[in-house]
Amino acid sequence: MRKIRTFISIVHILLCFALSGVVLLQQRKQGGFSGIFGGGTQADLGANQWQRFSSLTKITVVLTTAFILTSIVLILYR
């Protein structure tokens, strides 16, 4: 059990560095905090939203999901 926790902890740390790097590589949006707090319209959200994301945005979504999952697993195996 300890080996699994150590392995997941190492993966979690690597995900932290990878996620930080990918976020820093993304270009700055001009919208500021309006996109975060719902200031923009959502009329353009549709079924093909995923295709319009850039590759860095897709990588960020995947890394964030993996980060959240490893965080939950580390909490459960405490």
Foldseek 3Di string as FASTA:
>chain_A
DVVVLVVLVVVLVVLVVVLVVLVVPDDDDPPPCCVVVVVDDPPPDDPCPVVPDDPSVVVNVVSVVSNVVSVVVNVVVD
